[in-house]
Amino acid sequence: MTVITAKSGGADAETQPLKKIENSSGLLTNTDKNLTTITHSEGPINYPESSPSDLYSYTPIVSIILIILGWQVIYNNAKKLATRNETKSLIDDIVAIVEKLEGLTTEFWLQSRQSRLDVDVFLLLTQSKLQIFNSRIKIIEKRDISVSEIDLGKFLEFMTLDCENVDSQKPEKKRKQVESLLDESNKCLEHLYAEFQEKYKPSFGILKRINKMLAKKTT
């Protein structure tokens, strides 16, 4: 085993052995405050201790990394919020279109002959609104919002089925047709809102889950 000694007090000073502490692994370590020495069969290994100035030298690098990470988080949150607002705006457009389809159908089927739109005009307006409806649905679908419950074929059917014979149909059948369209409209909008909430969950959802966990622990 190698023995490590240190001189103190000048060149002629008596050679004094360094203080050594044997650790659990059988190695001898020097307890000098400026030098840590491990002695083993192959010779000493010196590990100089880090000074505060060495640690401070890393502070600018760490600060830059934290700033970059912070801006990245802010950018991602802003991007997600912008996407959410754009999707919500598209859903609001669909709601407005559905409301116009409901009004158009109600006026055509429930009003008197004198105030009712001509059949050709009604069909033209219906097809125009449904085309806009379809374009908004395609955009929504590309934003990972499910539109599986939206059936434009049913909208067209409930709005225009036997519309050429509207004057000869019974009032009960007319009301039934309008009710069928309104039910389909409500189903469509409920589905869109549910999918939007699933895609962009409210921020207070985490707080609700935490409160539930705390409530379970207390009971």
Protein backbone atom coordinates (compact mmCIF):
# COMPACT_ATOMS: atom_id res chain seq x y z
CA MET A 1 0.00 0.00 0.00
CA THR A 2 1.27 3.50 -0.84
CA VAL A 3 1.77 5.95 2.04
CA ILE A 4 1.23 9.63 1.27
CA THR A 5 3.13 12.31 3.20
CA ALA A 6 3.17 16.08 3.03
CA LYS A 7 5.79 18.67 3.96
CA SER A 8 4.94 21.79 5.91
CA GLY A 9 6.92 24.76 7.17
CA GLY A 10 9.49 24.97 4.36
CA ALA A 11 12.08 22.83 2.66
CA ASP A 12 13.89 21.76 5.89
CA ALA A 13 10.71 21.03 7.77
CA GLU A 14 10.17 17.54 9.04
CA THR A 15 8.14 15.30 6.84
CA GLN A 16 4.75 14.65 8.41
CA PRO A 17 2.21 12.04 7.30
CA LEU A 18 -1.14 13.38 6.15
CA LYS A 19 -4.20 12.58 8.19
CA LYS A 20 -5.96 9.58 6.76
CA ILE A 21 -9.35 8.04 7.36
CA GLU A 22 -10.11 4.53 6.29
CA ASN A 23 -13.57 4.28 4.75
CA SER A 24 -15.86 1.28 4.49
CA SER A 25 -14.26 0.13 1.22
CA GLY A 26 -10.81 -0.11 2.78
CA LEU A 27 -9.43 2.98 1.01
CA LEU A 28 -7.52 5.67 2.89
CA THR A 29 -8.58 9.26 2.32
CA ASN A 30 -6.78 12.43 3.29
CA THR A 31 -8.82 14.90 5.37
CA ASP A 32 -6.93 18.00 4.31
CA LYS A 33 -9.44 20.75 3.40
CA ASN A 34 -7.75 21.59 0.07
CA LEU A 35 -6.98 18.07 -1.10
CA THR A 36 -8.75 14.77 -1.07
CA THR A 37 -6.40 11.82 -1.53
CA ILE A 38 -7.40 8.22 -2.00
CA THR A 39 -4.58 5.70 -1.45
CA HIS A 40 -4.71 2.25 -2.90
CA SER A 41 -2.32 -0.38 -4.13
CA GLU A 42 -1.66 1.37 -7.45
CA GLY A 43 -0.93 4.82 -6.01
CA PRO A 44 -2.76 7.95 -4.89
CA ILE A 45 -5.60 9.61 -6.80
CA ASN A 46 -6.17 13.28 -6.01
CA TYR A 47 -9.60 14.93 -6.40
CA PRO A 48 -9.48 18.69 -5.96
CA GLU A 49 -12.62 20.05 -4.39
CA SER A 50 -14.85 22.42 -6.44
CA SER A 51 -14.76 25.99 -5.33
CA PRO A 52 -17.83 28.32 -5.36
CA SER A 53 -16.31 30.23 -8.28
CA ASP A 54 -16.38 27.05 -10.39
CA LEU A 55 -20.10 26.61 -9.70
CA TYR A 56 -20.85 30.25 -10.48
CA SER A 57 -19.24 29.85 -13.89
CA TYR A 58 -22.13 27.57 -14.94
CA THR A 59 -24.83 30.04 -13.89
CA PRO A 60 -25.05 31.94 -17.24
CA ILE A 61 -25.40 28.67 -19.17
CA VAL A 62 -28.12 27.38 -16.87
CA SER A 63 -29.95 30.71 -17.11
CA ILE A 64 -29.89 30.64 -20.91
CA ILE A 65 -31.22 27.08 -20.95
CA LEU A 66 -34.05 27.98 -18.56
CA ILE A 67 -34.96 31.04 -20.66
CA ILE A 68 -35.09 28.95 -23.84
CA LEU A 69 -37.26 26.31 -22.17
CA GLY A 70 -39.55 28.99 -20.77
CA TRP A 71 -40.07 30.61 -24.16
CA GLN A 72 -40.72 27.20 -25.69
CA VAL A 73 -43.46 26.50 -23.16
CA ILE A 74 -45.00 29.95 -23.74
CA TYR A 75 -44.92 29.44 -27.52
CA ASN A 76 -46.55 26.01 -27.31
CA ASN A 77 -49.29 27.31 -25.01
CA ALA A 78 -49.95 30.31 -27.28
CA LYS A 79 -50.11 28.05 -30.34
CA LYS A 80 -52.54 25.69 -28.62
CA LEU A 81 -54.72 28.59 -27.47
CA ALA A 82 -54.80 30.08 -30.99
CA THR A 83 -55.78 26.71 -32.47
CA ARG A 84 -58.49 26.32 -29.85
CA ASN A 85 -59.93 29.76 -30.63
CA GLU A 86 -59.91 29.08 -34.37
CA THR A 87 -61.70 25.77 -33.86
CA LYS A 88 -64.25 27.39 -31.59
CA SER A 89 -64.87 30.07 -34.24
CA LEU A 90 -65.54 27.37 -36.84
CA ILE A 91 -68.00 25.66 -34.51
CA ASP A 92 -69.74 28.99 -33.95
CA ASP A 93 -70.08 29.30 -37.74
CA ILE A 94 -71.68 25.86 -37.89
CA VAL A 95 -74.09 26.82 -35.11
CA ALA A 96 -75.12 29.92 -37.07
CA ILE A 97 -75.63 27.83 -40.22
CA VAL A 98 -77.74 25.27 -38.36
CA GLU A 99 -79.88 28.03 -36.88
CA LYS A 100 -80.48 29.44 -40.38
CA LEU A 101 -81.45 25.98 -41.64
CA GLU A 102 -83.90 25.63 -38.75
CA GLY A 103 -85.44 29.02 -39.46
CA LEU A 104 -85.64 28.35 -43.17
CA THR A 105 -87.36 24.99 -42.63
CA THR A 106 -89.76 26.31 -40.01
CA GLU A 107 -90.86 29.22 -42.17
CA PHE A 108 -91.34 27.06 -45.25
CA TRP A 109 -93.30 24.23 -43.63
CA LEU A 110 -95.35 26.06 -41.02
CA GLN A 111 -96.27 29.34 -42.70
CA SER A 112 -99.24 29.96 -44.94
CA ARG A 113 -99.11 29.76 -48.71
CA GLN A 114 -99.09 33.55 -49.11
CA SER A 115 -96.01 34.13 -46.95
CA ARG A 116 -94.14 30.94 -47.83
CA LEU A 117 -91.06 30.93 -50.07
CA ASP A 118 -91.35 29.48 -53.53
CA VAL A 119 -90.23 25.86 -53.67
CA ASP A 120 -87.40 26.59 -56.10
CA VAL A 121 -86.09 29.39 -53.90
CA PHE A 122 -86.34 27.19 -50.82
CA LEU A 123 -84.36 24.40 -52.49
CA LEU A 124 -81.72 26.82 -53.72
CA LEU A 125 -81.20 28.35 -50.27
CA THR A 126 -81.17 24.91 -48.64
CA GLN A 127 -78.48 23.55 -50.96
CA SER A 128 -76.39 26.69 -50.55
CA LYS A 129 -76.47 26.51 -46.74
CA LEU A 130 -75.72 22.79 -46.74
CA GLN A 131 -72.69 23.30 -48.97
CA ILE A 132 -71.31 25.86 -46.52
CA PHE A 133 -72.17 23.46 -43.69
CA ASN A 134 -70.23 20.69 -45.42
CA SER A 135 -67.15 22.86 -45.96
CA ARG A 136 -67.02 23.82 -42.27
CA ILE A 137 -67.36 20.18 -41.24
CA LYS A 138 -64.38 19.19 -43.40
CA ILE A 139 -62.23 21.87 -41.78
CA ILE A 140 -63.33 20.82 -38.31
CA GLU A 141 -62.52 17.20 -39.08
CA LYS A 142 -58.95 18.14 -40.08
CA ARG A 143 -58.54 19.63 -36.60
CA ASP A 144 -59.16 16.23 -34.98
CA ILE A 145 -62.78 16.99 -34.10
CA SER A 146 -64.99 13.97 -34.77
CA VAL A 147 -67.97 14.59 -37.06
CA SER A 148 -69.16 10.99 -37.17
CA GLU A 149 -72.58 11.89 -35.71
CA ILE A 150 -73.29 14.61 -38.30
CA ASP A 151 -75.37 13.40 -41.24
CA LEU A 152 -76.07 16.06 -43.85
CA GLY A 153 -78.22 13.58 -45.73
CA LYS A 154 -80.74 13.64 -42.88
CA PHE A 155 -80.73 17.43 -42.86
CA LEU A 156 -81.53 17.44 -46.57
CA GLU A 157 -84.22 14.80 -46.13
CA PHE A 158 -86.01 16.48 -43.24
CA MET A 159 -85.90 19.85 -44.95
CA THR A 160 -86.92 19.00 -48.50
CA LEU A 161 -88.81 15.68 -48.43
CA ASP A 162 -92.02 16.18 -50.46
CA CYS A 163 -91.56 19.94 -50.34
CA GLU A 164 -93.20 20.19 -53.78
CA ASN A 165 -96.43 18.98 -52.20
CA VAL A 166 -96.27 21.16 -49.12
CA ASP A 167 -99.69 22.67 -49.73
CA SER A 168 -101.43 19.30 -49.91
CA GLN A 169 -99.87 17.81 -46.76
CA LYS A 170 -101.60 17.71 -43.39
CA PRO A 171 -100.44 20.08 -40.65
CA GLU A 172 -99.49 17.14 -38.42
CA LYS A 173 -97.06 15.81 -41.02
CA LYS A 174 -95.55 19.24 -41.53
CA ARG A 175 -94.94 19.66 -37.82
CA LYS A 176 -93.48 16.17 -37.61
CA GLN A 177 -91.02 16.96 -40.37
CA VAL A 178 -89.95 20.18 -38.68
CA GLU A 179 -89.54 18.39 -35.35
CA SER A 180 -87.37 15.76 -37.01
CA LEU A 181 -85.07 18.47 -38.37
CA LEU A 182 -84.84 20.21 -34.98
CA ASP A 183 -83.97 16.93 -33.28
CA GLU A 184 -81.24 16.29 -35.82
CA SER A 185 -79.90 19.81 -35.35
CA ASN A 186 -79.72 19.43 -31.57
CA LYS A 187 -77.97 16.08 -31.95
CA CYS A 188 -75.42 17.64 -34.29
CA LEU A 189 -74.61 20.59 -32.04
CA GLU A 190 -74.42 18.49 -28.89
CA HIS A 191 -71.96 16.19 -30.61
CA LEU A 192 -69.77 19.07 -31.76
CA TYR A 193 -69.67 20.70 -28.33
CA ALA A 194 -68.88 17.37 -26.65
CA GLU A 195 -66.03 16.69 -29.07
CA PHE A 196 -64.68 20.20 -28.61
CA GLN A 197 -64.68 19.81 -24.83
CA GLU A 198 -62.93 16.47 -25.15
CA LYS A 199 -60.25 17.90 -27.44
CA TYR A 200 -59.69 21.09 -25.43
CA LYS A 201 -60.42 20.20 -21.83
CA PRO A 202 -61.02 23.14 -19.50
CA SER A 203 -58.05 24.05 -17.28
CA PHE A 204 -60.08 23.60 -14.10
CA GLY A 205 -60.40 19.89 -14.81
CA ILE A 206 -57.12 19.25 -13.00
CA LEU A 207 -58.37 21.09 -9.95
CA LYS A 208 -61.54 19.02 -9.93
CA ARG A 209 -59.54 15.79 -10.03
CA ILE A 210 -57.34 17.00 -7.17
CA ASN A 211 -60.40 17.90 -5.10
CA LYS A 212 -61.90 14.46 -5.75
CA MET A 213 -58.66 12.78 -4.65
CA LEU A 214 -58.57 14.85 -1.48
CA ALA A 215 -62.23 14.09 -0.78
CA LYS A 216 -61.59 10.34 -1.11
CA LYS A 217 -58.68 10.51 1.32
CA THR A 218 -60.71 12.36 3.95
CA THR A 219 -63.66 9.95 3.76
